[in-house]
Amino acid sequence: MMEDQVRGDFERARQKAVIHDLLAAVNRQTNDLLPFHEIRKRLSPEGESYRGVQTVPIRQIIGSMDRFEDFDRTFLPRKKNTRSRWTNVDRAFYEDVRLPPIQLYKVGDIYFVKDGNHRVSVARERGVEFIDAEVIEGHVRVPLSSSMSPTELLMQAEYAEFLRRTDLDVLQPEHDIRPTALGRYDVIWSHIVAHQEWLSSIWDRPATVAEAVNDWYTYIYMPIVQVVRDRGVLDEFNRLTEADIYLWVMHHREALEEREGHDVSPVESAQDYAELMTQPLNVGERMLEFLGVESPRSPDAEEEVKRRRRRLRRWPRPRGSIGRF
């Protein structure tokens, strides 16, 4: 009787996982459990602390170190080969057997399972809200919470890596550099590295990372941001950030230099870009393109849009020299 019960519990849990996967596919979302290595390679925790055995909210356990393919995002079992261990834990639940604490790794306010994935799965399926766990905490510079989507968590991990490289949170604590897509912090970092090389060449000595970060922020990034603010560019693109526009401006600078045949300052590029992007045709086109909607246009307007798309659609690449004004 008990065997039939736990087998039935497992099959029902697997069926739920299948339904969740189908719904996620229809909505073009992920239902995968977050793999720890994807976060850790970006976060690079700056030290760890042993926190001992604690009572942890199960809803804050959002990933796994090595079993992320066996369970979905809510720890429902996906694979048949998890049946034996899952049903053993389920049986212990019915028989009121006290199991040892699971092992978790904490970063921010989220946890990854080191040992005890099946216990977390069964506990969630049984509606348990808290679980005893032995916790090791990795210290990171950015907030992480279980309410964040997988993409948001990866963005925060990239932000943490960017801060580790630049110390921008220490050097310029008032900064607000928050691009909206993965990979863009790496592009900004490449700009800082190029700027460091440029400073070293004009100073005739190696520039430190801190010097390059401060100089880039003061003489490259903020002047562009000031133009963006003065021209009200973000009023037309409320889903983007100043960091997004900065990256577009730096790419636009390359196009301007190719067209003009001489160096163009970041501010000149920002002013030209602001004028281009606040023209009615471009505002409508860029917003419609961002939303994935096509609109009817005259043949001339269509050709102009295509020309501007070719010029602006590529994302910025690292430059050999950033320079200042």
Protein backbone atom coordinates (compact mmCIF):
# COMPACT_ATOMS: atom_id res chain seq x y z
CA MET A 1 0.00 0.00 0.00
CA MET A 2 2.78 2.43 0.95
CA GLU A 3 4.72 1.53 -2.20
CA ASP A 4 1.72 2.32 -4.38
CA GLN A 5 1.30 5.63 -2.57
CA VAL A 6 4.88 6.85 -3.03
CA ARG A 7 5.03 5.64 -6.66
CA GLY A 8 1.81 7.51 -7.35
CA ASP A 9 3.20 10.62 -5.68
CA PHE A 10 6.29 10.48 -7.88
CA GLU A 11 4.33 10.02 -11.11
CA ARG A 12 2.01 12.90 -10.25
CA ALA A 13 5.01 15.12 -9.51
CA ARG A 14 6.60 14.17 -12.85
CA GLN A 15 3.36 14.93 -14.69
CA LYS A 16 3.30 18.37 -13.08
CA ALA A 17 6.86 18.95 -14.29
CA VAL A 18 5.81 18.04 -17.85
CA ILE A 19 2.89 20.48 -17.70
CA HIS A 20 5.16 23.22 -16.33
CA ASP A 21 7.66 22.59 -19.14
CA LEU A 22 4.92 22.82 -21.77
CA LEU A 23 3.52 26.05 -20.31
CA ALA A 24 7.01 27.54 -20.17
CA ALA A 25 7.64 26.59 -23.80
CA VAL A 26 4.35 28.17 -24.91
CA ASN A 27 5.21 31.37 -23.04
CA ARG A 28 8.83 31.29 -24.27
CA GLN A 29 10.13 31.13 -20.73
CA THR A 30 12.51 28.80 -18.96
CA ASN A 31 11.41 26.22 -16.42
CA ASP A 32 14.94 25.06 -15.69
CA LEU A 33 16.45 24.89 -12.25
CA LEU A 34 19.21 27.47 -12.04
CA PRO A 35 22.66 25.84 -12.30
CA PHE A 36 25.10 27.06 -9.67
CA HIS A 37 28.07 27.18 -12.03
CA GLU A 38 26.30 29.76 -14.23
CA ILE A 39 26.03 32.10 -11.26
CA ARG A 40 29.35 31.33 -9.58
CA LYS A 41 31.51 31.93 -12.64
CA ARG A 42 30.18 35.50 -12.71
CA LEU A 43 29.73 36.23 -9.03
CA SER A 44 33.20 35.16 -7.87
CA PRO A 45 32.30 35.39 -4.15
CA GLU A 46 34.79 37.45 -2.17
CA GLY A 47 35.18 35.06 0.73
CA GLU A 48 32.94 32.46 2.38
CA SER A 49 31.55 31.88 5.87
CA TYR A 50 30.21 28.74 7.53
CA ARG A 51 26.77 29.58 8.95
CA GLY A 52 26.02 26.26 10.61
CA VAL A 53 22.60 24.58 10.65
CA GLN A 54 19.72 26.96 10.01
CA THR A 55 16.03 26.78 9.22
CA VAL A 56 15.71 28.01 5.62
CA PRO A 57 12.59 29.06 3.67
CA ILE A 58 12.22 26.51 0.88
CA ARG A 59 10.98 29.16 -1.58
CA GLN A 60 14.44 30.76 -1.43
CA ILE A 61 16.12 27.57 -2.69
CA ILE A 62 16.21 28.24 -6.42
CA GLY A 63 19.11 26.21 -7.82
CA SER A 64 21.37 23.21 -7.57
CA MET A 65 25.08 22.57 -7.78
CA ASP A 66 24.98 19.38 -9.81
CA ARG A 67 21.40 18.05 -10.20
CA PHE A 68 19.87 20.98 -12.08
CA GLU A 69 18.92 18.78 -15.05
CA ASP A 70 17.00 16.30 -12.90
CA PHE A 71 14.46 18.82 -11.55
CA ASP A 72 12.48 21.76 -12.88
CA ARG A 73 12.48 25.28 -11.48
CA THR A 74 10.17 24.29 -8.60
CA PHE A 75 12.16 21.09 -7.91
CA LEU A 76 9.59 18.79 -9.52
CA PRO A 77 11.31 15.60 -10.78
CA ARG A 78 11.86 15.41 -14.54
CA LYS A 79 13.67 12.10 -14.98
CA LYS A 80 12.66 8.54 -14.19
CA ASN A 81 16.08 7.75 -12.74
CA THR A 82 15.24 9.96 -9.76
CA ARG A 83 12.32 7.70 -8.75
CA SER A 84 14.14 5.45 -6.27
CA ARG A 85 15.66 8.22 -4.14
CA TRP A 86 12.57 10.41 -4.45
CA THR A 87 10.21 7.67 -3.27
CA ASN A 88 12.55 6.77 -0.39
CA VAL A 89 12.39 10.36 0.84
CA ASP A 90 8.62 10.44 0.29
CA ARG A 91 8.24 7.24 2.30
CA ALA A 92 10.25 8.77 5.14
CA PHE A 93 7.86 11.72 5.09
CA TYR A 94 4.83 9.45 5.55
CA GLU A 95 6.57 7.46 8.29
CA ASP A 96 7.63 10.67 10.08
CA VAL A 97 11.32 9.75 9.87
CA ARG A 98 13.60 12.66 10.74
CA LEU A 99 16.15 13.15 7.96
CA PRO A 100 19.54 14.90 8.36
CA PRO A 101 19.85 18.57 7.32
CA ILE A 102 20.43 19.25 3.66
CA GLN A 103 23.51 21.20 2.55
CA LEU A 104 23.09 24.61 0.91
CA TYR A 105 25.30 27.33 -0.54
CA LYS A 106 23.92 30.83 0.01
CA VAL A 107 24.58 33.95 -2.10
CA GLY A 108 22.54 37.04 -1.34
CA ASP A 109 19.14 35.77 -0.25
CA ILE A 110 19.07 32.69 -2.48
CA TYR A 111 20.29 29.14 -1.93
CA PHE A 112 21.71 26.37 -4.10
CA VAL A 113 21.50 22.72 -3.09
CA LYS A 114 24.81 20.98 -2.55
CA ASP A 115 23.26 17.84 -1.08
CA GLY A 116 19.58 17.07 -0.60
CA ASN A 117 17.88 17.83 -3.93
CA HIS A 118 15.36 14.99 -3.50
CA ARG A 119 14.51 16.12 0.03
CA VAL A 120 13.82 19.64 -1.24
CA SER A 121 11.68 18.21 -4.05
CA VAL A 122 9.54 16.09 -1.74
CA ALA A 123 9.26 18.85 0.87
CA ARG A 124 7.99 21.32 -1.74
CA GLU A 125 5.53 18.77 -3.08
CA ARG A 126 4.24 18.21 0.45
CA GLY A 127 3.78 21.95 1.06
CA VAL A 128 6.58 22.24 3.62
CA GLU A 129 7.68 25.87 3.97
CA PHE A 130 10.94 25.52 5.91
CA ILE A 131 13.75 22.98 5.97
CA ASP A 132 16.82 22.47 8.15
CA ALA A 133 20.05 23.05 6.28
CA GLU A 134 23.78 23.31 6.85
CA VAL A 135 24.71 26.58 5.16
CA ILE A 136 27.88 28.02 3.66
CA GLU A 137 27.53 31.64 2.53
CA GLY A 138 29.49 33.27 -0.28
CA HIS A 139 29.92 37.02 0.09
CA VAL A 140 28.87 39.06 -2.95
CA ARG A 141 28.43 42.78 -3.65
CA VAL A 142 24.97 42.72 -5.17
CA PRO A 143 21.51 41.76 -3.86
CA LEU A 144 20.04 38.47 -5.09
CA SER A 145 16.51 37.30 -4.28
CA SER A 146 14.23 34.40 -5.15
CA SER A 147 11.73 36.84 -6.70
CA MET A 148 14.18 37.57 -9.54
CA SER A 149 13.84 35.77 -12.86
CA PRO A 150 16.74 33.59 -14.08
CA THR A 151 17.75 36.36 -16.49
CA GLU A 152 17.66 38.96 -13.71
CA LEU A 153 19.82 36.74 -11.51
CA LEU A 154 22.36 36.27 -14.29
CA MET A 155 22.33 40.04 -14.87
CA GLN A 156 23.06 40.58 -11.19
CA ALA A 157 25.86 38.03 -11.41
CA GLU A 158 27.37 39.92 -14.36
CA TYR A 159 27.01 43.15 -12.40
CA ALA A 160 28.86 41.59 -9.45
CA GLU A 161 31.67 40.50 -11.77
CA PHE A 162 31.81 44.02 -13.24
CA LEU A 163 32.10 45.52 -9.75
CA ARG A 164 34.79 43.01 -8.80
CA ARG A 165 36.81 44.04 -11.85
CA THR A 166 36.30 47.79 -11.53
CA ASP A 167 35.54 48.57 -7.86
CA LEU A 168 33.11 51.10 -9.31
CA ASP A 169 30.88 50.79 -6.25
CA VAL A 170 33.83 52.04 -4.18
CA LEU A 171 35.34 54.54 -6.63
CA GLN A 172 32.05 56.04 -7.84
CA PRO A 173 29.39 54.96 -5.32
CA GLU A 174 26.74 57.18 -6.93
CA HIS A 175 26.99 55.38 -10.28
CA ASP A 176 23.92 53.82 -11.88
CA ILE A 177 25.32 51.69 -14.69
CA ARG A 178 22.62 49.08 -15.28
CA PRO A 179 22.25 47.78 -18.85
CA THR A 180 19.19 45.68 -19.60
CA ALA A 181 20.61 42.63 -21.40
CA LEU A 182 23.19 39.95 -20.73
CA GLY A 183 26.72 40.47 -22.01
CA ARG A 184 26.74 44.25 -21.96
CA TYR A 185 28.84 44.61 -18.82
CA ASP A 186 31.58 42.76 -20.69
CA VAL A 187 31.36 45.34 -23.47
CA ILE A 188 31.61 48.22 -20.99
CA TRP A 189 34.57 46.52 -19.33
CA SER A 190 36.29 46.26 -22.72
CA HIS A 191 35.85 50.02 -23.11
CA ILE A 192 37.52 50.60 -19.75
CA VAL A 193 40.41 48.29 -20.67
CA ALA A 194 40.89 50.15 -23.96
CA HIS A 195 40.77 53.45 -22.09
CA GLN A 196 43.40 52.16 -19.66
CA GLU A 197 45.68 51.39 -22.61
CA TRP A 198 45.06 54.85 -24.08
CA LEU A 199 45.86 56.56 -20.76
CA SER A 200 49.05 54.53 -20.43
CA SER A 201 50.15 55.70 -23.87
CA ILE A 202 49.57 59.41 -23.23
CA TRP A 203 50.87 59.36 -19.65
CA ASP A 204 53.97 57.42 -20.67
CA ARG A 205 53.45 55.10 -17.70
CA PRO A 206 51.10 52.23 -16.89
CA ALA A 207 47.69 53.48 -15.79
CA THR A 208 46.07 51.52 -12.97
CA VAL A 209 42.61 50.02 -13.28
CA ALA A 210 41.33 52.47 -10.67
CA GLU A 211 42.73 55.43 -12.62
CA ALA A 212 41.19 54.14 -15.84
CA VAL A 213 37.81 53.55 -14.20
CA ASN A 214 37.68 57.03 -12.67
CA ASP A 215 38.87 58.74 -15.86
CA TRP A 216 36.49 56.77 -18.08
CA TYR A 217 33.54 57.43 -15.79
CA THR A 218 34.29 61.16 -15.44
CA TYR A 219 35.33 62.02 -18.99
CA ILE A 220 33.58 59.42 -21.16
CA TYR A 221 30.51 57.91 -19.51
CA MET A 222 29.05 60.83 -17.57
CA PRO A 223 29.39 63.44 -20.38
CA ILE A 224 27.43 61.08 -22.65
CA VAL A 225 24.84 60.49 -19.93
CA GLN A 226 24.48 64.23 -19.42
CA VAL A 227 23.68 64.73 -23.10
CA VAL A 228 21.15 61.89 -22.89
CA ARG A 229 19.49 63.58 -19.92
CA ASP A 230 19.57 67.07 -21.42
CA ARG A 231 18.04 65.87 -24.71
CA GLY A 232 15.42 63.68 -23.04
CA VAL A 233 16.43 60.62 -25.05
CA LEU A 234 15.13 58.20 -22.41
CA ASP A 235 11.71 59.85 -22.56
CA GLU A 236 11.30 58.06 -25.88
CA PHE A 237 12.79 54.75 -24.70
CA ASN A 238 11.44 54.12 -21.21
CA ARG A 239 12.41 50.44 -21.27
CA LEU A 240 16.07 51.24 -21.75
CA THR A 241 18.65 52.72 -19.38
CA GLU A 242 21.40 55.31 -19.61
CA ALA A 243 23.91 52.47 -19.87
CA ASP A 244 22.05 51.04 -22.89
CA ILE A 245 22.12 54.43 -24.61
CA TYR A 246 25.81 54.86 -23.74
CA LEU A 247 26.59 51.62 -25.59
CA TRP A 248 24.56 52.69 -28.61
CA VAL A 249 26.33 56.07 -28.61
CA MET A 250 29.77 54.44 -28.55
CA HIS A 251 28.83 52.28 -31.50
CA HIS A 252 27.34 55.30 -33.26
CA ARG A 253 30.70 57.01 -32.73
CA GLU A 254 32.38 54.35 -34.87
CA ALA A 255 29.87 54.95 -37.66
CA LEU A 256 30.43 58.72 -37.43
CA GLU A 257 34.21 58.37 -37.61
CA GLU A 258 33.88 56.15 -40.68
CA ARG A 259 31.59 58.70 -42.29
CA GLU A 260 33.51 61.85 -41.30
CA GLY A 261 36.99 60.43 -41.72
CA HIS A 262 38.33 61.79 -38.41
CA ASP A 263 38.10 61.18 -34.65
CA VAL A 264 34.79 62.09 -33.03
CA SER A 265 34.53 62.85 -29.31
CA PRO A 266 32.08 60.91 -27.14
CA VAL A 267 30.05 64.08 -26.52
CA GLU A 268 29.84 64.89 -30.25
CA SER A 269 28.71 61.32 -30.88
CA ALA A 270 26.10 61.58 -28.11
CA GLN A 271 24.76 64.86 -29.50
CA ASP A 272 24.52 63.46 -33.02
CA TYR A 273 22.90 60.28 -31.74
CA ALA A 274 20.40 62.21 -29.61
CA GLU A 275 19.39 64.29 -32.61
CA LEU A 276 19.05 61.17 -34.76
CA MET A 277 17.03 59.25 -32.18
CA THR A 278 14.63 62.06 -31.31
CA GLN A 279 13.52 62.59 -34.91
CA PRO A 280 9.90 61.35 -35.27
CA LEU A 281 10.73 58.64 -37.80
CA ASN A 282 13.41 57.16 -35.60
CA VAL A 283 11.42 57.32 -32.37
CA GLY A 284 8.52 55.43 -33.89
CA GLU A 285 10.69 52.98 -35.74
CA ARG A 286 13.00 52.17 -32.86
CA MET A 287 10.11 51.69 -30.43
CA LEU A 288 8.17 49.51 -32.87
CA GLU A 289 11.27 47.47 -33.57
CA PHE A 290 11.91 47.10 -29.82
CA LEU A 291 8.35 45.84 -29.36
CA GLY A 292 8.56 43.58 -32.40
CA VAL A 293 5.81 45.41 -34.31
CA GLU A 294 5.94 46.43 -37.96
CA SER A 295 4.23 49.57 -39.22
CA PRO A 296 3.25 50.68 -42.76
CA ARG A 297 5.72 53.13 -44.33
CA SER A 298 6.22 54.85 -47.61
CA PRO A 299 8.93 53.34 -49.88
CA ASP A 300 11.27 56.23 -49.07
CA ALA A 301 10.70 55.86 -45.35
CA GLU A 302 11.20 52.11 -45.58
CA GLU A 303 14.55 52.57 -47.30
CA GLU A 304 15.62 55.14 -44.71
CA VAL A 305 14.70 52.77 -41.90
CA LYS A 306 16.68 49.95 -43.50
CA ARG A 307 19.69 52.22 -43.89
CA ARG A 308 19.58 53.27 -40.25
CA ARG A 309 19.02 49.72 -39.06
CA ARG A 310 22.14 48.61 -40.91
CA ARG A 311 24.11 51.40 -39.28
CA LEU A 312 22.79 51.14 -35.72
CA ARG A 313 21.60 47.62 -35.08
CA ARG A 314 24.99 46.01 -34.28
CA TRP A 315 26.01 46.17 -30.65
CA PRO A 316 29.23 48.01 -29.69
CA ARG A 317 32.52 46.17 -30.09
CA PRO A 318 35.70 46.84 -28.11
CA ARG A 319 37.67 49.72 -29.54
CA GLY A 320 41.43 49.91 -29.71
CA SER A 321 41.33 53.41 -28.25
CA ILE A 322 38.53 55.20 -26.46
CA GLY A 323 40.11 58.60 -25.84
CA ARG A 324 38.33 61.53 -24.26
CA PHE A 325 37.01 64.65 -25.88
